[in-house]
């Protein structure tokens, strides 16, 4: 597929064209660097969970790996080619390949938002409905949930490669766009994408709101004389000696403390994953809003540069997760360090 490198009315030596070209190249280079760093970071997250026995035993880790795999698709398959298209404002690759990337972009949206919702529901059961948590989130069931996110994304967007849909690289949007000759059908698909984002964000928000309420109630129920050992969501390995009162009722006291320790660990993990979700909302909400605006009017109200920024913000979101995990999750941070130092796993 041959496209002209610049518009016919552009003057190659003009300052405006040179400046725009330099900006496009700079953005393309940044996207390439994001692609390399994001791929390395998500690969590190996947390896850390696979090689760490404690992390492997947590069902929420399965969902984190699922999200990391979805992000890897972006960094390895999608973003490098979009970076090239951004830098050159051309698409030298084939039209079917452009269509495949367009479908993958949409599938990534579905898998990412559904994975975020599954993580939120996992945390809801872990903190609010703890008695049902291990029954609902068994290893096999969690794996099925992960697989379901990919099947849903494929079922919704694989039909886009067939007629009446077609794909082309849009310099206006800065991505490969799958459109339809049937305007109403095209708008329906776009609306479906936006609704998928909004509905999943609402469900996740409700889950985290319930978690917040449960944590507040839990703090009011905790007796002042029973300390919560450990910090950063991790129970301390060495417990202080029991006082006389606890010695008389050693078993009940230890059970009460153990329950509080588990609760603190669950809350700490939930806070970490809530931050991931909050950053996700910040990065994805503008795109959903722009899609709703665009489908509601018949003219292009939103400038192409704003669309491109919204898409880049979605891609940038996938780069941030490793920083959040390393910042707030002590187990993952420790696993990262061991991997980077090539230490043996335990």
Protein backbone atom coordinates (compact mmCIF):
# COMPACT_ATOMS: atom_id res chain seq x y z
CA UNK A 1 0.00 0.00 0.00
CA UNK A 2 1.71 3.16 -1.20
CA UNK A 3 0.95 6.50 0.37
CA UNK A 4 2.53 9.87 -0.23
CA UNK A 5 4.93 10.91 2.51
CA UNK A 6 3.45 14.42 2.76
CA UNK A 7 0.48 16.38 1.42
CA UNK A 8 0.81 17.77 -2.07
CA UNK A 9 0.41 21.36 -0.89
CA UNK A 10 3.28 21.10 1.61
CA UNK A 11 6.58 22.71 0.81
CA UNK A 12 9.43 20.39 1.79
CA UNK A 13 11.69 23.23 2.82
CA UNK A 14 9.10 25.26 4.72
CA UNK A 15 9.67 25.92 8.42
CA UNK A 16 6.16 24.76 9.30
CA UNK A 17 6.58 21.44 7.52
CA UNK A 18 10.01 20.90 9.05
CA UNK A 19 8.71 21.65 12.54
CA UNK A 20 5.71 19.34 12.13
CA UNK A 21 7.96 16.61 10.76
CA UNK A 22 10.37 17.00 13.67
CA UNK A 23 7.50 16.78 16.15
CA UNK A 24 6.16 13.63 14.49
CA UNK A 25 9.60 12.01 14.59
CA UNK A 26 10.04 12.97 18.26
CA UNK A 27 6.65 11.48 19.16
CA UNK A 28 7.49 8.34 17.17
CA UNK A 29 10.79 7.95 19.06
CA UNK A 30 9.00 8.39 22.40
CA UNK A 31 6.48 5.72 21.40
CA UNK A 32 9.31 3.36 20.46
CA UNK A 33 10.99 3.93 23.83
CA UNK A 34 7.66 3.39 25.60
CA UNK A 35 7.23 0.18 23.63
CA UNK A 36 10.64 -1.15 24.68
CA UNK A 37 10.29 -0.14 28.31
CA UNK A 38 6.68 -1.31 28.57
CA UNK A 39 7.52 -4.70 27.08
CA UNK A 40 10.43 -5.12 29.50
CA UNK A 41 8.35 -4.00 32.49
CA UNK A 42 5.38 -6.24 31.79
CA UNK A 43 7.66 -9.18 31.00
CA UNK A 44 9.33 -8.59 34.38
CA UNK A 45 5.92 -8.60 36.09
CA UNK A 46 4.92 -11.88 34.42
CA UNK A 47 8.23 -13.56 35.30
CA UNK A 48 8.09 -12.26 38.88
CA UNK A 49 4.68 -13.84 39.45
CA UNK A 50 5.50 -17.09 37.66
CA UNK A 51 8.75 -17.63 39.57
CA UNK A 52 7.56 -16.55 43.03
CA UNK A 53 5.68 -19.21 44.98
CA UNK A 54 3.79 -16.76 47.22
CA UNK A 55 2.67 -14.59 44.32
CA UNK A 56 1.68 -17.67 42.32
CA UNK A 57 -0.63 -18.78 45.12
CA UNK A 58 -2.75 -15.60 44.93
CA UNK A 59 -5.67 -15.67 42.50
CA UNK A 60 -5.36 -11.92 41.95
CA UNK A 61 -1.91 -12.58 40.48
CA UNK A 62 -3.52 -14.56 37.64
CA UNK A 63 -5.54 -11.47 36.73
CA UNK A 64 -2.47 -9.23 36.95
CA UNK A 65 -0.66 -11.57 34.55
CA UNK A 66 -3.66 -11.47 32.21
CA UNK A 67 -3.53 -7.67 32.18
CA UNK A 68 0.24 -7.74 31.63
CA UNK A 69 -0.17 -10.10 28.66
CA UNK A 70 -2.74 -7.73 27.12
CA UNK A 71 -0.28 -4.88 27.58
CA UNK A 72 2.49 -6.97 26.01
CA UNK A 73 0.37 -7.25 22.86
CA UNK A 74 0.34 -3.45 22.72
CA UNK A 75 4.08 -3.04 23.20
CA UNK A 76 5.25 -5.91 20.99
CA UNK A 77 2.67 -5.94 18.17
CA UNK A 78 0.78 -2.64 18.04
CA UNK A 79 2.85 0.27 19.31
CA UNK A 80 6.07 -0.22 17.26
CA UNK A 81 4.13 0.02 13.98
CA UNK A 82 2.00 2.92 15.20
CA UNK A 83 5.21 4.69 16.22
CA UNK A 84 6.49 4.30 12.66
CA UNK A 85 3.20 5.59 11.25
CA UNK A 86 3.28 8.57 13.62
CA UNK A 87 6.86 9.47 12.71
CA UNK A 88 6.31 9.24 8.94
CA UNK A 89 2.54 9.94 8.65
CA UNK A 90 2.40 7.03 6.20
CA UNK A 91 1.45 3.37 6.29
CA UNK A 92 3.86 1.37 4.09
CA UNK A 93 2.49 -1.96 5.30
CA UNK A 94 -0.40 -3.93 3.83
CA UNK A 95 -4.06 -3.10 4.32
CA UNK A 96 -4.85 -6.52 5.90
CA UNK A 97 -2.07 -5.90 8.43
CA UNK A 98 -3.58 -2.50 9.20
CA UNK A 99 -6.95 -4.20 9.70
CA UNK A 100 -5.36 -6.73 12.06
CA UNK A 101 -3.79 -3.96 14.13
CA UNK A 102 -7.09 -2.09 14.22
CA UNK A 103 -8.84 -5.18 15.57
CA UNK A 104 -6.03 -5.80 18.08
CA UNK A 105 -6.34 -2.23 19.37
CA UNK A 106 -10.05 -2.76 19.99
CA UNK A 107 -9.47 -6.21 21.49
CA UNK A 108 -6.86 -4.76 23.84
CA UNK A 109 -9.43 -2.24 25.05
CA UNK A 110 -11.91 -5.01 25.86
CA UNK A 111 -9.36 -7.29 27.55
CA UNK A 112 -7.87 -4.45 29.59
CA UNK A 113 -11.12 -3.02 30.92
CA UNK A 114 -12.57 -6.49 31.60
CA UNK A 115 -9.37 -7.51 33.39
CA UNK A 116 -9.61 -4.38 35.54
CA UNK A 117 -13.20 -5.26 36.39
CA UNK A 118 -12.26 -8.86 37.22
CA UNK A 119 -9.50 -7.56 39.52
CA UNK A 120 -11.97 -5.21 41.23
CA UNK A 121 -14.47 -8.05 41.76
CA UNK A 122 -11.63 -10.25 43.07
CA UNK A 123 -10.70 -7.57 45.61
CA UNK A 124 -14.37 -7.10 46.54
CA UNK A 125 -14.71 -10.78 47.42
CA UNK A 126 -11.35 -10.78 49.19
CA UNK A 127 -12.25 -7.89 51.51
CA UNK A 128 -16.05 -7.65 51.67
CA UNK A 129 -17.18 -11.26 51.14
CA UNK A 130 -14.19 -13.08 52.53
CA UNK A 131 -16.05 -16.27 53.43
CA UNK A 132 -16.88 -16.84 49.76
CA UNK A 133 -13.55 -15.70 48.31
CA UNK A 134 -11.70 -19.03 48.15
CA UNK A 135 -14.82 -20.80 46.88
CA UNK A 136 -15.43 -18.31 44.05
CA UNK A 137 -11.84 -17.50 43.06
CA UNK A 138 -10.28 -20.93 42.75
CA UNK A 139 -7.32 -21.34 40.42
CA UNK A 140 -9.30 -22.95 37.57
CA UNK A 141 -12.16 -20.46 37.82
CA UNK A 142 -9.76 -17.51 37.76
CA UNK A 143 -8.06 -18.93 34.67
CA UNK A 144 -11.48 -19.28 33.01
CA UNK A 145 -12.17 -15.61 33.81
CA UNK A 146 -8.89 -14.64 32.16
CA UNK A 147 -9.73 -16.71 29.09
CA UNK A 148 -13.22 -15.20 28.97
CA UNK A 149 -11.81 -11.68 28.61
CA UNK A 150 -9.93 -12.73 25.46
CA UNK A 151 -12.87 -14.67 24.04
CA UNK A 152 -15.15 -11.68 24.57
CA UNK A 153 -12.70 -9.36 22.84
CA UNK A 154 -12.35 -11.77 19.91
CA UNK A 155 -16.11 -12.35 19.60
CA UNK A 156 -16.83 -8.62 19.53
CA UNK A 157 -14.15 -7.48 17.12
CA UNK A 158 -13.01 -10.33 14.84
CA UNK A 159 -16.09 -9.73 12.64
CA UNK A 160 -14.62 -6.29 11.89
CA UNK A 161 -12.19 -7.85 9.39
CA UNK A 162 -15.10 -8.82 7.09
CA UNK A 163 -17.33 -6.72 4.82
CA UNK A 164 -18.80 -4.10 5.17
CA UNK A 165 -15.90 -3.11 7.42
CA UNK A 166 -12.58 -1.96 6.04
CA UNK A 167 -9.37 -0.60 7.55
CA UNK A 168 -7.03 2.23 6.75
CA UNK A 169 -4.36 4.22 8.53
CA UNK A 170 -5.74 7.58 9.63
CA UNK A 171 -3.21 10.38 10.15
CA UNK A 172 -6.10 12.30 11.76
CA UNK A 173 -6.48 9.70 14.53
CA UNK A 174 -2.89 8.49 14.43
CA UNK A 175 -3.92 4.80 14.40
CA UNK A 176 -5.23 2.11 12.07
CA UNK A 177 -8.97 2.65 12.03
CA UNK A 178 -11.59 0.02 11.21
CA UNK A 179 -14.62 1.73 9.70
CA UNK A 180 -17.81 0.65 7.96
CA UNK A 181 -19.48 1.62 4.71
CA UNK A 182 -22.70 1.49 6.71
CA UNK A 183 -22.57 4.68 8.81
CA UNK A 184 -25.13 3.47 11.35
CA UNK A 185 -23.32 0.17 11.84
CA UNK A 186 -20.00 1.98 12.26
CA UNK A 187 -21.47 4.28 14.91
CA UNK A 188 -22.99 1.27 16.69
CA UNK A 189 -19.58 -0.40 16.94
CA UNK A 190 -17.93 2.78 18.23
CA UNK A 191 -20.71 3.24 20.78
CA UNK A 192 -20.27 -0.38 21.88
CA UNK A 193 -16.56 0.26 22.53
CA UNK A 194 -17.30 3.36 24.59
CA UNK A 195 -20.07 1.61 26.54
CA UNK A 196 -17.74 -1.29 27.30
CA UNK A 197 -15.25 1.14 28.83
CA UNK A 198 -17.85 3.09 30.82
CA UNK A 199 -19.81 0.08 32.13
CA UNK A 200 -16.66 -1.68 33.33
CA UNK A 201 -15.38 1.48 35.00
CA UNK A 202 -18.72 1.86 36.82
CA UNK A 203 -18.68 -1.78 38.02
CA UNK A 204 -15.09 -1.45 39.21
CA UNK A 205 -15.88 1.84 40.97
CA UNK A 206 -18.78 0.24 42.84
CA UNK A 207 -16.54 -2.64 43.95
CA UNK A 208 -13.83 -0.33 45.27
CA UNK A 209 -16.43 1.86 46.98
CA UNK A 210 -17.74 -1.21 48.83
CA UNK A 211 -14.17 -2.12 49.77
CA UNK A 212 -13.62 1.38 51.15
CA UNK A 213 -16.79 1.16 53.25
CA UNK A 214 -15.83 -2.27 54.58
CA UNK A 215 -12.36 -1.05 55.54
CA UNK A 216 -13.86 1.89 57.43
CA UNK A 217 -16.26 -0.38 59.31
CA UNK A 218 -13.45 -2.83 60.02
CA UNK A 219 -11.30 -0.14 61.60
CA UNK A 220 -14.14 0.78 63.94
CA UNK A 221 -14.50 -2.87 64.98
CA UNK A 222 -10.82 -3.42 65.75
CA UNK A 223 -10.16 -3.45 69.50
CA UNK A 224 -7.44 -0.97 70.56
CA UNK A 225 -5.71 -3.54 72.76
CA UNK A 226 -5.11 -5.90 69.82
CA UNK A 227 -2.41 -4.34 67.59
CA UNK A 228 -2.24 -4.95 63.88
CA UNK A 229 1.24 -6.38 63.37
CA UNK A 230 3.39 -5.71 60.33
CA UNK A 231 3.18 -2.91 57.84
CA UNK A 232 2.67 -2.41 54.11
CA UNK A 233 0.06 -5.16 54.14
CA UNK A 234 2.57 -7.82 55.20
CA UNK A 235 2.30 -9.59 58.59
CA UNK A 236 5.45 -9.43 60.70
CA UNK A 237 7.40 -12.65 61.07
CA UNK A 238 8.27 -12.14 64.74
CA UNK A 239 5.29 -11.57 66.99
CA UNK A 240 5.73 -9.90 70.41
CA UNK A 241 5.26 -11.99 73.52
CA UNK A 242 1.68 -12.31 74.69
CA UNK A 243 0.60 -10.47 77.81
CA UNK A 244 -1.13 -12.18 80.70
CA UNK A 245 -4.56 -11.71 79.25
CA UNK A 246 -3.60 -13.20 75.94
CA UNK A 247 -1.85 -16.13 77.59
CA UNK A 248 -5.08 -17.12 79.26
CA UNK A 249 -6.86 -17.12 75.96
CA UNK A 250 -3.93 -17.84 73.67
CA UNK A 251 -5.72 -19.62 70.87
CA UNK A 252 -8.60 -17.13 70.45
CA UNK A 253 -6.18 -14.19 70.64
CA UNK A 254 -3.90 -15.69 68.02
CA UNK A 255 -6.88 -16.44 65.78
CA UNK A 256 -8.11 -12.85 66.11
CA UNK A 257 -4.68 -11.46 65.27
CA UNK A 258 -4.31 -13.86 62.32
CA UNK A 259 -7.65 -12.73 60.90
CA UNK A 260 -6.59 -9.09 61.23
CA UNK A 261 -3.26 -9.86 59.54
CA UNK A 262 -5.00 -11.48 56.58
CA UNK A 263 -7.39 -8.56 56.39
CA UNK A 264 -4.54 -6.02 56.40
CA UNK A 265 -2.73 -7.91 53.64
CA UNK A 266 -5.89 -8.02 51.53
CA UNK A 267 -6.52 -4.33 52.08
CA UNK A 268 -2.93 -3.47 51.12
CA UNK A 269 -3.22 -5.45 47.87
CA UNK A 270 -6.59 -3.82 47.20
CA UNK A 271 -5.13 -0.33 47.69
CA UNK A 272 -2.33 -1.16 45.25
CA UNK A 273 -4.76 -2.43 42.62
CA UNK A 274 -7.11 0.50 43.23
CA UNK A 275 -4.27 2.88 42.34
CA UNK A 276 -3.76 0.88 39.13
CA UNK A 277 -7.50 1.25 38.45
CA UNK A 278 -7.51 5.00 39.23
CA UNK A 279 -4.62 5.62 36.82
CA UNK A 280 -6.46 3.46 34.28
CA UNK A 281 -9.56 5.68 34.60
CA UNK A 282 -7.52 8.86 34.18
CA UNK A 283 -5.93 7.51 31.00
CA UNK A 284 -9.02 5.90 29.43
CA UNK A 285 -11.90 8.24 30.34
CA UNK A 286 -10.96 11.01 27.85
CA UNK A 287 -11.07 8.54 24.95
CA UNK A 288 -14.50 7.23 26.01
CA UNK A 289 -15.84 10.79 26.29
CA UNK A 290 -14.47 11.77 22.88
CA UNK A 291 -16.04 8.67 21.30
CA UNK A 292 -19.46 9.54 22.75
CA UNK A 293 -19.14 13.13 21.54
CA UNK A 294 -18.07 12.07 18.05
CA UNK A 295 -20.95 9.60 17.66
CA UNK A 296 -23.49 12.22 18.81
CA UNK A 297 -22.71 14.78 16.11
CA UNK A 298 -22.24 14.62 12.36
CA UNK A 299 -19.17 16.87 12.21
CA UNK A 300 -15.67 16.41 13.59
CA UNK A 301 -15.65 18.67 16.63
CA UNK A 302 -12.52 17.20 18.20
CA UNK A 303 -9.17 18.11 16.59
CA UNK A 304 -7.01 15.29 15.33
CA UNK A 305 -4.22 16.21 17.75
CA UNK A 306 -6.63 15.73 20.68
CA UNK A 307 -7.68 12.30 19.37
CA UNK A 308 -4.04 11.30 18.99
CA UNK A 309 -3.26 12.46 22.53
CA UNK A 310 -6.18 10.42 23.87
CA UNK A 311 -4.99 7.28 22.05
CA UNK A 312 -1.39 7.81 23.20
CA UNK A 313 -2.64 8.28 26.78
CA UNK A 314 -4.31 4.85 26.60
CA UNK A 315 -1.07 3.29 25.37
CA UNK A 316 0.94 5.18 28.00
CA UNK A 317 -1.25 3.70 30.74
CA UNK A 318 0.18 0.25 30.09
CA UNK A 319 3.67 1.55 30.86
CA UNK A 320 2.77 2.84 34.32
CA UNK A 321 1.63 -0.36 36.02
CA UNK A 322 5.11 -1.67 36.83
CA UNK A 323 5.90 1.57 38.69
CA UNK A 324 2.70 1.27 40.72
CA UNK A 325 3.38 -2.39 41.57
CA UNK A 326 6.97 -1.59 42.60
CA UNK A 327 5.82 1.40 44.63
CA UNK A 328 2.93 -0.10 46.62
CA UNK A 329 3.26 -3.90 46.48
CA UNK A 330 6.13 -5.10 48.64
CA UNK A 331 5.93 -8.71 47.47
CA UNK A 332 6.12 -7.75 43.81
CA UNK A 333 8.86 -5.22 44.54
CA UNK A 334 10.88 -7.92 46.27
CA UNK A 335 10.27 -10.31 43.36
CA UNK A 336 11.45 -7.66 40.88
CA UNK A 337 14.66 -7.14 42.86
CA UNK A 338 15.36 -10.86 43.06
CA UNK A 339 14.84 -11.24 39.33
CA UNK A 340 17.09 -8.31 38.49
CA UNK A 341 19.76 -9.64 40.84
CA UNK A 342 19.33 -13.16 39.41
CA UNK A 343 18.74 -14.58 42.88
CA UNK A 344 17.26 -18.04 43.34
CA UNK A 345 13.55 -18.20 43.96
CA UNK A 346 12.05 -19.60 47.14
